[in-house]
């Protein structure tokens, strides 16, 4: 197993924690000098805060750990391609390397919709490695959304059955 795969496994563990909370299962870790200095998962539903994405939570932890907003010499591992907000935070914190698992065709701004981390118009660019454990990273999301759709369908059927029962009562 490569070092990238090993650290992505840790990001996947964070994603699983998020899924267990009912959050979209995305996880992130930040590594500095071969050591994990931050690990986080999505918490938007739990906090009801739009900016509590895994990447942003990990960046905040890493800044506190290092004592600087500049996260030079770090690598961010994240299970899903970062969105525009997270890509902006990555650029602002000067993270030099980003490794992600699955592409996000609806909101990904590293390779899918835009290439923000490699736009020479910004004052910082990142070395990007995509597709590390992509199947596992994509599968956890597929499974989560499939279960969510099934749960919503079952809830809708239960409400319909209850309404019919009340109507006939």
N, C-alpha and C. Protein backbone atom coordinates (compact mmCIF):
# COMPACT_ATOMS: atom_id res chain seq x y z
N UNK A 1 0.85 -1.18 0.00
CA UNK A 1 0.00 0.00 0.00
C UNK A 1 0.90 1.25 0.00
N UNK A 2 0.61 2.17 -0.89
CA UNK A 2 1.40 3.40 -0.97
C UNK A 2 1.06 4.33 0.20
N UNK A 3 1.91 5.32 0.39
CA UNK A 3 1.66 6.31 1.44
C UNK A 3 0.36 7.06 1.16
N UNK A 4 0.11 7.41 -0.10
CA UNK A 4 -1.14 8.10 -0.45
C UNK A 4 -2.35 7.23 -0.11
N UNK A 5 -2.28 5.95 -0.41
CA UNK A 5 -3.39 5.05 -0.08
C UNK A 5 -3.58 4.94 1.43
N UNK A 6 -2.49 4.87 2.17
CA UNK A 6 -2.57 4.76 3.62
C UNK A 6 -3.28 5.98 4.22
N UNK A 7 -2.90 7.17 3.78
CA UNK A 7 -3.53 8.38 4.32
C UNK A 7 -4.97 8.53 3.83
N UNK A 8 -5.24 8.07 2.59
CA UNK A 8 -6.61 8.12 2.10
C UNK A 8 -7.50 7.17 2.90
N UNK A 9 -6.96 6.06 3.36
CA UNK A 9 -7.72 5.15 4.23
C UNK A 9 -8.15 5.88 5.49
N UNK A 10 -7.29 6.74 6.02
CA UNK A 10 -7.64 7.52 7.20
C UNK A 10 -8.75 8.53 6.88
N UNK A 11 -8.68 9.12 5.70
CA UNK A 11 -9.75 10.03 5.27
C UNK A 11 -11.06 9.27 5.10
N UNK A 12 -10.98 8.06 4.58
CA UNK A 12 -12.18 7.22 4.45
C UNK A 12 -12.77 6.89 5.82
N UNK A 13 -11.93 6.66 6.81
CA UNK A 13 -12.42 6.40 8.17
C UNK A 13 -13.19 7.62 8.69
N UNK A 14 -12.70 8.82 8.38
CA UNK A 14 -13.41 10.04 8.76
C UNK A 14 -14.75 10.13 8.01
N UNK A 15 -14.74 9.76 6.74
CA UNK A 15 -15.98 9.78 5.96
C UNK A 15 -17.01 8.83 6.57
N UNK A 16 -16.57 7.67 7.00
CA UNK A 16 -17.49 6.71 7.62
C UNK A 16 -18.10 7.28 8.90
N UNK A 17 -17.31 8.02 9.67
CA UNK A 17 -17.83 8.67 10.88
C UNK A 17 -18.95 9.64 10.51
N UNK A 18 -18.73 10.39 9.45
CA UNK A 18 -19.76 11.34 9.01
C UNK A 18 -21.03 10.61 8.61
N UNK A 19 -20.88 9.54 7.84
CA UNK A 19 -22.04 8.77 7.42
C UNK A 19 -22.84 8.23 8.59
N UNK A 20 -22.14 7.80 9.63
CA UNK A 20 -22.82 7.27 10.82
C UNK A 20 -23.63 8.36 11.53
N UNK A 21 -23.24 9.61 11.34
CA UNK A 21 -23.98 10.73 11.92
C UNK A 21 -25.12 11.21 11.02
N UNK A 22 -25.25 10.60 9.85
CA UNK A 22 -26.25 11.05 8.89
C UNK A 22 -25.75 12.17 8.00
N UNK A 23 -24.45 12.42 8.05
CA UNK A 23 -23.84 13.45 7.22
C UNK A 23 -23.41 12.82 5.89
N UNK A 24 -23.28 13.64 4.86
CA UNK A 24 -22.71 13.15 3.61
C UNK A 24 -21.29 12.67 3.95
N UNK A 25 -20.98 11.42 3.64
CA UNK A 25 -19.71 10.83 4.09
C UNK A 25 -18.48 11.29 3.31
N UNK A 26 -17.94 12.40 3.76
CA UNK A 26 -16.71 12.94 3.20
C UNK A 26 -15.74 13.15 4.35
N UNK A 27 -14.51 12.71 4.16
CA UNK A 27 -13.50 12.86 5.20
C UNK A 27 -12.24 13.47 4.64
N UNK A 28 -11.47 14.09 5.54
CA UNK A 28 -10.23 14.74 5.14
C UNK A 28 -9.19 14.59 6.25
N UNK A 29 -7.94 14.46 5.84
CA UNK A 29 -6.82 14.51 6.77
C UNK A 29 -5.74 15.39 6.17
N UNK A 30 -4.97 16.03 7.04
CA UNK A 30 -3.84 16.84 6.60
C UNK A 30 -2.59 16.25 7.24
N UNK A 31 -1.59 16.06 6.40
CA UNK A 31 -0.34 15.43 6.81
C UNK A 31 0.78 16.45 6.71
N UNK A 32 1.62 16.50 7.75
CA UNK A 32 2.79 17.37 7.80
C UNK A 32 3.98 16.54 8.26
N UNK A 33 5.00 16.50 7.44
CA UNK A 33 6.21 15.73 7.74
C UNK A 33 5.89 14.28 8.12
N UNK A 34 5.00 13.68 7.34
CA UNK A 34 4.66 12.27 7.53
C UNK A 34 3.72 11.98 8.68
N UNK A 35 3.23 13.02 9.36
CA UNK A 35 2.35 12.85 10.52
C UNK A 35 0.99 13.51 10.26
N UNK A 36 -0.08 12.82 10.64
CA UNK A 36 -1.41 13.41 10.53
C UNK A 36 -1.54 14.49 11.60
N UNK A 37 -1.80 15.71 11.16
CA UNK A 37 -1.97 16.81 12.12
C UNK A 37 -3.42 17.27 12.22
N UNK A 38 -4.27 16.77 11.33
CA UNK A 38 -5.68 17.14 11.37
C UNK A 38 -6.49 16.05 10.69
N UNK A 39 -7.67 15.79 11.24
CA UNK A 39 -8.60 14.82 10.65
C UNK A 39 -10.02 15.31 10.93
N UNK A 40 -10.84 15.32 9.89
CA UNK A 40 -12.20 15.85 10.06
C UNK A 40 -13.15 15.22 9.06
N UNK A 41 -14.43 15.37 9.34
CA UNK A 41 -15.47 14.91 8.43
C UNK A 41 -16.53 15.99 8.31
N UNK A 42 -17.40 15.83 7.33
CA UNK A 42 -18.50 16.77 7.13
C UNK A 42 -19.37 16.85 8.38
N UNK A 43 -19.80 18.05 8.71
CA UNK A 43 -20.70 18.25 9.85
C UNK A 43 -21.80 19.27 9.54
N UNK A 44 -22.12 19.47 8.27
CA UNK A 44 -23.12 20.50 7.92
C UNK A 44 -24.48 20.25 8.54
N UNK A 45 -24.95 19.02 8.50
CA UNK A 45 -26.27 18.72 9.07
C UNK A 45 -26.25 18.83 10.59
N UNK A 46 -25.19 18.33 11.19
CA UNK A 46 -25.07 18.36 12.65
C UNK A 46 -25.01 19.79 13.18
N UNK A 47 -24.20 20.62 12.52
CA UNK A 47 -24.00 22.00 12.99
C UNK A 47 -25.00 22.98 12.36
N UNK A 48 -25.67 22.55 11.29
CA UNK A 48 -26.52 23.45 10.51
C UNK A 48 -25.71 24.69 10.09
N UNK A 49 -24.49 24.42 9.64
CA UNK A 49 -23.57 25.47 9.24
C UNK A 49 -22.98 25.08 7.88
N UNK A 50 -23.20 25.90 6.89
CA UNK A 50 -22.80 25.59 5.52
C UNK A 50 -21.30 25.45 5.32
N UNK A 51 -20.50 25.98 6.22
CA UNK A 51 -19.05 25.95 6.00
C UNK A 51 -18.34 24.84 6.77
N UNK A 52 -19.07 23.93 7.37
CA UNK A 52 -18.41 22.86 8.12
C UNK A 52 -18.18 21.64 7.24
N UNK A 53 -17.50 21.88 6.12
CA UNK A 53 -17.05 20.82 5.23
C UNK A 53 -15.81 20.18 5.84
N UNK A 54 -15.57 18.94 5.50
CA UNK A 54 -14.42 18.20 6.04
C UNK A 54 -13.11 18.94 5.82
N UNK A 55 -12.91 19.45 4.61
CA UNK A 55 -11.65 20.14 4.29
C UNK A 55 -11.46 21.38 5.16
N UNK A 56 -12.51 22.16 5.33
CA UNK A 56 -12.40 23.39 6.11
C UNK A 56 -12.14 23.09 7.57
N UNK A 57 -12.79 22.07 8.09
CA UNK A 57 -12.58 21.68 9.48
C UNK A 57 -11.13 21.21 9.67
N UNK A 58 -10.62 20.44 8.72
CA UNK A 58 -9.24 19.95 8.80
C UNK A 58 -8.25 21.11 8.68
N UNK A 59 -8.51 22.04 7.79
CA UNK A 59 -7.62 23.20 7.63
C UNK A 59 -7.57 24.00 8.93
N UNK A 60 -8.71 24.20 9.55
CA UNK A 60 -8.75 24.94 10.81
C UNK A 60 -7.93 24.23 11.89
N UNK A 61 -8.10 22.91 12.00
CA UNK A 61 -7.32 22.14 12.98
C UNK A 61 -5.83 22.24 12.70
N UNK A 62 -5.46 22.11 11.43
CA UNK A 62 -4.04 22.14 11.06
C UNK A 62 -3.42 23.51 11.35
N UNK A 63 -4.14 24.58 11.09
CA UNK A 63 -3.63 25.92 11.39
C UNK A 63 -3.38 26.07 12.88
N UNK A 64 -4.32 25.57 13.68
CA UNK A 64 -4.15 25.63 15.14
C UNK A 64 -2.94 24.80 15.58
N UNK A 65 -2.78 23.63 14.99
CA UNK A 65 -1.67 22.73 15.36
C UNK A 65 -0.32 23.35 15.01
N UNK A 66 -0.22 23.90 13.81
CA UNK A 66 1.05 24.48 13.35
C UNK A 66 1.27 25.89 13.92
N UNK A 67 0.18 26.58 14.21
CA UNK A 67 0.29 27.95 14.70
C UNK A 67 0.49 28.96 13.60
N UNK A 68 -0.04 28.64 12.43
CA UNK A 68 0.09 29.54 11.28
C UNK A 68 -1.05 29.27 10.29
N UNK A 69 -1.43 30.31 9.56
CA UNK A 69 -2.43 30.12 8.52
C UNK A 69 -1.81 29.55 7.26
N UNK A 70 -0.50 29.58 7.18
CA UNK A 70 0.21 29.03 6.02
C UNK A 70 0.50 27.55 6.29
N UNK A 71 -0.12 26.70 5.52
CA UNK A 71 0.06 25.26 5.70
C UNK A 71 1.04 24.71 4.66
N UNK A 72 2.15 25.39 4.53
CA UNK A 72 3.19 24.96 3.61
C UNK A 72 3.75 23.62 4.08
N UNK A 73 4.21 22.83 3.16
CA UNK A 73 4.78 21.51 3.45
C UNK A 73 3.75 20.51 3.98
N UNK A 74 2.48 20.73 3.65
CA UNK A 74 1.44 19.79 4.05
C UNK A 74 0.82 19.15 2.82
N UNK A 75 0.10 18.07 3.06
CA UNK A 75 -0.71 17.44 2.02
C UNK A 75 -2.10 17.22 2.59
N UNK A 76 -3.09 17.61 1.83
CA UNK A 76 -4.49 17.38 2.19
C UNK A 76 -4.99 16.16 1.43
N UNK A 77 -5.53 15.20 2.18
CA UNK A 77 -6.17 14.01 1.60
C UNK A 77 -7.66 14.16 1.84
N UNK A 78 -8.45 14.04 0.79
CA UNK A 78 -9.90 14.17 0.93
C UNK A 78 -10.57 13.17 0.01
N UNK A 79 -11.66 12.59 0.49
CA UNK A 79 -12.31 11.50 -0.23
C UNK A 79 -13.06 11.95 -1.48
N UNK A 80 -13.47 13.21 -1.53
CA UNK A 80 -14.22 13.73 -2.68
C UNK A 80 -13.56 15.02 -3.16
N UNK A 81 -13.52 15.19 -4.45
CA UNK A 81 -12.96 16.40 -5.06
C UNK A 81 -13.54 17.65 -4.39
N UNK A 82 -12.70 18.57 -3.95
CA UNK A 82 -13.18 19.77 -3.26
C UNK A 82 -14.09 20.66 -4.10
N UNK A 83 -15.04 21.28 -3.40
CA UNK A 83 -15.98 22.23 -3.99
C UNK A 83 -15.28 23.59 -4.14
N UNK A 84 -15.95 24.61 -4.70
CA UNK A 84 -15.30 25.91 -4.88
C UNK A 84 -14.90 26.56 -3.56
N UNK A 85 -15.73 26.42 -2.53
CA UNK A 85 -15.41 27.01 -1.24
C UNK A 85 -14.15 26.38 -0.65
N UNK A 86 -14.09 25.06 -0.69
CA UNK A 86 -12.94 24.36 -0.14
C UNK A 86 -11.69 24.58 -0.97
N UNK A 87 -11.84 24.63 -2.29
CA UNK A 87 -10.69 24.91 -3.15
C UNK A 87 -10.13 26.29 -2.83
N UNK A 88 -11.01 27.24 -2.58
CA UNK A 88 -10.54 28.58 -2.20
C UNK A 88 -9.78 28.57 -0.89
N UNK A 89 -10.27 27.82 0.08
CA UNK A 89 -9.58 27.72 1.38
C UNK A 89 -8.23 27.03 1.23
N UNK A 90 -8.17 26.04 0.35
CA UNK A 90 -6.91 25.35 0.09
C UNK A 90 -5.89 26.33 -0.48
N UNK A 91 -6.31 27.13 -1.44
CA UNK A 91 -5.41 28.13 -2.01
C UNK A 91 -4.99 29.16 -0.97
N UNK A 92 -5.94 29.64 -0.19
CA UNK A 92 -5.65 30.67 0.81
C UNK A 92 -4.71 30.17 1.90
N UNK A 93 -4.79 28.89 2.22
CA UNK A 93 -3.93 28.35 3.28
C UNK A 93 -2.60 27.84 2.74
N UNK A 94 -2.40 27.96 1.44
CA UNK A 94 -1.13 27.63 0.79
C UNK A 94 -0.76 26.15 0.88
N UNK A 95 -1.76 25.29 0.90
CA UNK A 95 -1.48 23.85 0.90
C UNK A 95 -0.86 23.51 -0.46
N UNK A 96 0.34 22.92 -0.47
CA UNK A 96 1.01 22.68 -1.75
C UNK A 96 0.56 21.43 -2.49
N UNK A 97 -0.05 20.48 -1.77
CA UNK A 97 -0.43 19.23 -2.44
C UNK A 97 -1.79 18.77 -1.94
N UNK A 98 -2.64 18.37 -2.89
CA UNK A 98 -3.97 17.83 -2.59
C UNK A 98 -4.11 16.48 -3.27
N UNK A 99 -4.58 15.51 -2.50
CA UNK A 99 -4.85 14.16 -3.01
C UNK A 99 -6.32 13.90 -2.74
N UNK A 100 -7.07 13.55 -3.79
CA UNK A 100 -8.47 13.24 -3.56
C UNK A 100 -8.85 11.91 -4.21
N UNK A 101 -9.95 11.36 -3.73
CA UNK A 101 -10.42 10.06 -4.21
C UNK A 101 -11.32 10.18 -5.42
N UNK A 102 -12.59 10.42 -5.18
CA UNK A 102 -13.60 10.44 -6.24
C UNK A 102 -13.80 11.85 -6.80
N UNK A 103 -14.07 11.90 -8.08
CA UNK A 103 -14.45 13.18 -8.71
C UNK A 103 -15.87 13.55 -8.30
N UNK A 104 -16.15 14.86 -8.31
CA UNK A 104 -17.49 15.37 -8.03
C UNK A 104 -17.95 16.15 -9.25
N UNK A 105 -18.74 15.48 -10.08
CA UNK A 105 -19.16 16.08 -11.35
C UNK A 105 -20.16 17.23 -11.16
N UNK A 106 -20.74 17.36 -9.96
CA UNK A 106 -21.72 18.43 -9.71
C UNK A 106 -21.11 19.66 -9.06
N UNK A 107 -20.02 19.49 -8.30
CA UNK A 107 -19.48 20.64 -7.57
C UNK A 107 -17.95 20.66 -7.52
N UNK A 108 -17.30 19.71 -8.14
CA UNK A 108 -15.84 19.62 -8.04
C UNK A 108 -15.13 20.75 -8.77
N UNK A 109 -14.24 21.41 -8.07
CA UNK A 109 -13.54 22.55 -8.67
C UNK A 109 -12.03 22.37 -8.70
N UNK A 110 -11.60 21.11 -8.74
CA UNK A 110 -10.19 20.80 -8.89
C UNK A 110 -9.94 20.29 -10.31
N UNK A 111 -10.83 19.44 -10.80
CA UNK A 111 -10.71 18.88 -12.15
C UNK A 111 -12.03 18.85 -12.92
N UNK A 112 -13.15 18.67 -12.23
CA UNK A 112 -14.42 18.41 -12.92
C UNK A 112 -15.05 19.63 -13.57
N UNK A 113 -15.45 20.61 -12.78
CA UNK A 113 -16.10 21.80 -13.33
C UNK A 113 -15.10 22.91 -13.64
N UNK A 114 -14.17 23.10 -12.72
CA UNK A 114 -13.12 24.10 -12.86
C UNK A 114 -11.80 23.49 -12.41
N UNK A 115 -10.73 24.21 -12.66
CA UNK A 115 -9.39 23.76 -12.22
C UNK A 115 -8.79 24.86 -11.36
N UNK A 116 -9.49 25.19 -10.27
CA UNK A 116 -9.08 26.31 -9.44
C UNK A 116 -7.70 26.14 -8.81
N UNK A 117 -7.35 24.91 -8.47
CA UNK A 117 -6.07 24.71 -7.79
C UNK A 117 -4.87 24.81 -8.73
N UNK A 118 -5.13 24.86 -10.02
CA UNK A 118 -4.05 24.97 -11.00
C UNK A 118 -4.27 26.14 -11.95
N UNK A 119 -4.93 27.16 -11.47
CA UNK A 119 -5.16 28.35 -12.28
C UNK A 119 -4.02 29.33 -12.04
N UNK A 120 -3.22 29.59 -13.06
CA UNK A 120 -2.04 30.45 -12.86
C UNK A 120 -2.38 31.90 -12.52
N UNK A 121 -3.64 32.28 -12.63
CA UNK A 121 -4.02 33.65 -12.27
C UNK A 121 -4.01 33.87 -10.76
N UNK A 122 -4.08 32.76 -9.98
CA UNK A 122 -3.98 32.88 -8.52
C UNK A 122 -2.51 32.95 -8.12
N UNK A 123 -2.27 33.42 -6.90
CA UNK A 123 -0.89 33.53 -6.43
C UNK A 123 -0.36 32.21 -5.85
N UNK A 124 -1.13 31.16 -5.91
CA UNK A 124 -0.70 29.85 -5.40
C UNK A 124 -1.34 28.77 -6.26
N UNK A 125 -0.59 27.73 -6.54
CA UNK A 125 -1.10 26.56 -7.25
C UNK A 125 -0.72 25.32 -6.47
N UNK A 126 -1.48 24.25 -6.66
CA UNK A 126 -1.28 23.00 -5.93
C UNK A 126 -0.88 21.87 -6.87
N UNK A 127 -0.10 20.98 -6.35
CA UNK A 127 0.15 19.71 -7.02
C UNK A 127 -1.05 18.83 -6.66
N UNK A 128 -1.74 18.30 -7.65
CA UNK A 128 -2.96 17.51 -7.40
C UNK A 128 -2.76 16.08 -7.87
N UNK A 129 -3.16 15.15 -7.01
CA UNK A 129 -3.21 13.73 -7.37
C UNK A 129 -4.65 13.29 -7.20
N UNK A 130 -5.24 12.83 -8.28
CA UNK A 130 -6.64 12.40 -8.20
C UNK A 130 -6.75 10.89 -8.30
N UNK A 131 -7.87 10.37 -7.83
CA UNK A 131 -8.20 8.98 -8.04
C UNK A 131 -7.62 7.98 -7.06
N UNK A 132 -7.05 8.45 -5.95
CA UNK A 132 -6.51 7.52 -4.96
C UNK A 132 -7.67 6.88 -4.21
N UNK A 133 -7.77 5.56 -4.31
CA UNK A 133 -8.89 4.78 -3.74
C UNK A 133 -10.24 5.33 -4.23
N UNK A 134 -10.27 5.72 -5.49
CA UNK A 134 -11.47 6.34 -6.06
C UNK A 134 -12.70 5.44 -5.94
N UNK A 135 -12.55 4.15 -6.17
CA UNK A 135 -13.70 3.25 -6.10
C UNK A 135 -14.29 3.23 -4.69
N UNK A 136 -13.43 3.11 -3.68
CA UNK A 136 -13.90 3.08 -2.29
C UNK A 136 -14.52 4.42 -1.90
N UNK A 137 -13.89 5.50 -2.31
CA UNK A 137 -14.40 6.84 -2.00
C UNK A 137 -15.74 7.10 -2.67
N UNK A 138 -15.89 6.64 -3.89
CA UNK A 138 -17.16 6.80 -4.59
C UNK A 138 -18.23 5.88 -4.05
N UNK A 139 -17.86 4.67 -3.69
CA UNK A 139 -18.83 3.69 -3.21
C UNK A 139 -19.49 4.11 -1.90
N UNK A 140 -18.73 4.70 -0.99
CA UNK A 140 -19.30 5.12 0.28
C UNK A 140 -20.38 6.19 0.05
N UNK A 141 -20.15 7.04 -0.93
CA UNK A 141 -21.16 8.06 -1.28
C UNK A 141 -22.37 7.43 -1.96
N UNK A 142 -22.12 6.52 -2.89
CA UNK A 142 -23.22 5.83 -3.58
C UNK A 142 -24.10 5.10 -2.58
N UNK A 143 -23.48 4.37 -1.67
CA UNK A 143 -24.23 3.62 -0.66
C UNK A 143 -25.04 4.55 0.24
N UNK A 144 -24.43 5.66 0.64
CA UNK A 144 -25.11 6.63 1.51
C UNK A 144 -26.36 7.20 0.83
N UNK A 145 -26.20 7.65 -0.41
CA UNK A 145 -27.34 8.27 -1.09
C UNK A 145 -28.40 7.25 -1.48
N UNK A 146 -28.01 6.02 -1.78
CA UNK A 146 -28.98 4.96 -2.04
C UNK A 146 -29.83 4.71 -0.79
N UNK A 147 -29.18 4.57 0.36
CA UNK A 147 -29.90 4.34 1.62
C UNK A 147 -30.79 5.53 1.96
N UNK A 148 -30.32 6.74 1.70
CA UNK A 148 -31.12 7.93 1.96
C UNK A 148 -32.38 7.94 1.10
N UNK A 149 -32.24 7.63 -0.19
CA UNK A 149 -33.41 7.57 -1.08
C UNK A 149 -34.39 6.50 -0.62
N UNK A 150 -33.88 5.34 -0.24
CA UNK A 150 -34.76 4.25 0.23
C UNK A 150 -35.49 4.64 1.50
N UNK A 151 -34.78 5.32 2.42
CA UNK A 151 -35.40 5.75 3.67
C UNK A 151 -36.50 6.78 3.39
N UNK A 152 -36.24 7.72 2.50
CA UNK A 152 -37.25 8.73 2.16
C UNK A 152 -38.45 8.09 1.48
N UNK A 153 -38.20 7.11 0.63
CA UNK A 153 -39.28 6.40 -0.05
C UNK A 153 -40.14 5.66 0.98
N UNK A 154 -39.52 5.00 1.94
CA UNK A 154 -40.24 4.27 2.98
C UNK A 154 -41.05 5.23 3.85
N UNK A 155 -40.47 6.39 4.18
CA UNK A 155 -41.18 7.39 4.99
C UNK A 155 -42.40 7.92 4.24
N UNK A 156 -42.25 8.15 2.95
CA UNK A 156 -43.36 8.64 2.13
C UNK A 156 -44.48 7.60 2.07
N UNK A 157 -44.12 6.33 1.90
CA UNK A 157 -45.10 5.26 1.88
C UNK A 157 -45.81 5.15 3.22
N UNK A 158 -45.07 5.28 4.32
CA UNK A 158 -45.68 5.21 5.66
C UNK A 158 -46.66 6.35 5.87
N UNK A 159 -46.30 7.56 5.42
CA UNK A 159 -47.23 8.70 5.55
C UNK A 159 -48.48 8.47 4.72
N UNK A 160 -48.31 7.95 3.52
CA UNK A 160 -49.45 7.68 2.65
C UNK A 160 -50.36 6.64 3.28
N UNK A 161 -49.78 5.58 3.82
CA UNK A 161 -50.56 4.52 4.48
C UNK A 161 -51.30 5.08 5.68
N UNK A 162 -50.63 5.93 6.46
CA UNK A 162 -51.26 6.54 7.63
C UNK A 162 -52.42 7.43 7.22
N UNK A 163 -52.26 8.21 6.17
CA UNK A 163 -53.31 9.09 5.68
C UNK A 163 -54.52 8.28 5.21
N UNK A 164 -54.27 7.17 4.52
CA UNK A 164 -55.36 6.30 4.07
C UNK A 164 -56.08 5.68 5.26
N UNK A 165 -55.32 5.28 6.27
CA UNK A 165 -55.92 4.70 7.48
C UNK A 165 -56.82 5.72 8.17
N UNK A 166 -56.31 6.97 8.29
CA UNK A 166 -57.08 8.00 8.96
C UNK A 166 -58.33 8.36 8.14
N UNK A 167 -58.22 8.33 6.83
CA UNK A 167 -59.34 8.65 5.96
C UNK A 167 -60.45 7.60 6.11
N UNK A 168 -60.06 6.35 6.27
CA UNK A 168 -61.04 5.26 6.38
C UNK A 168 -61.55 5.05 7.78
N UNK A 169 -61.00 5.74 8.73
CA UNK A 169 -61.38 5.56 10.13
C UNK A 169 -62.65 6.26 10.48
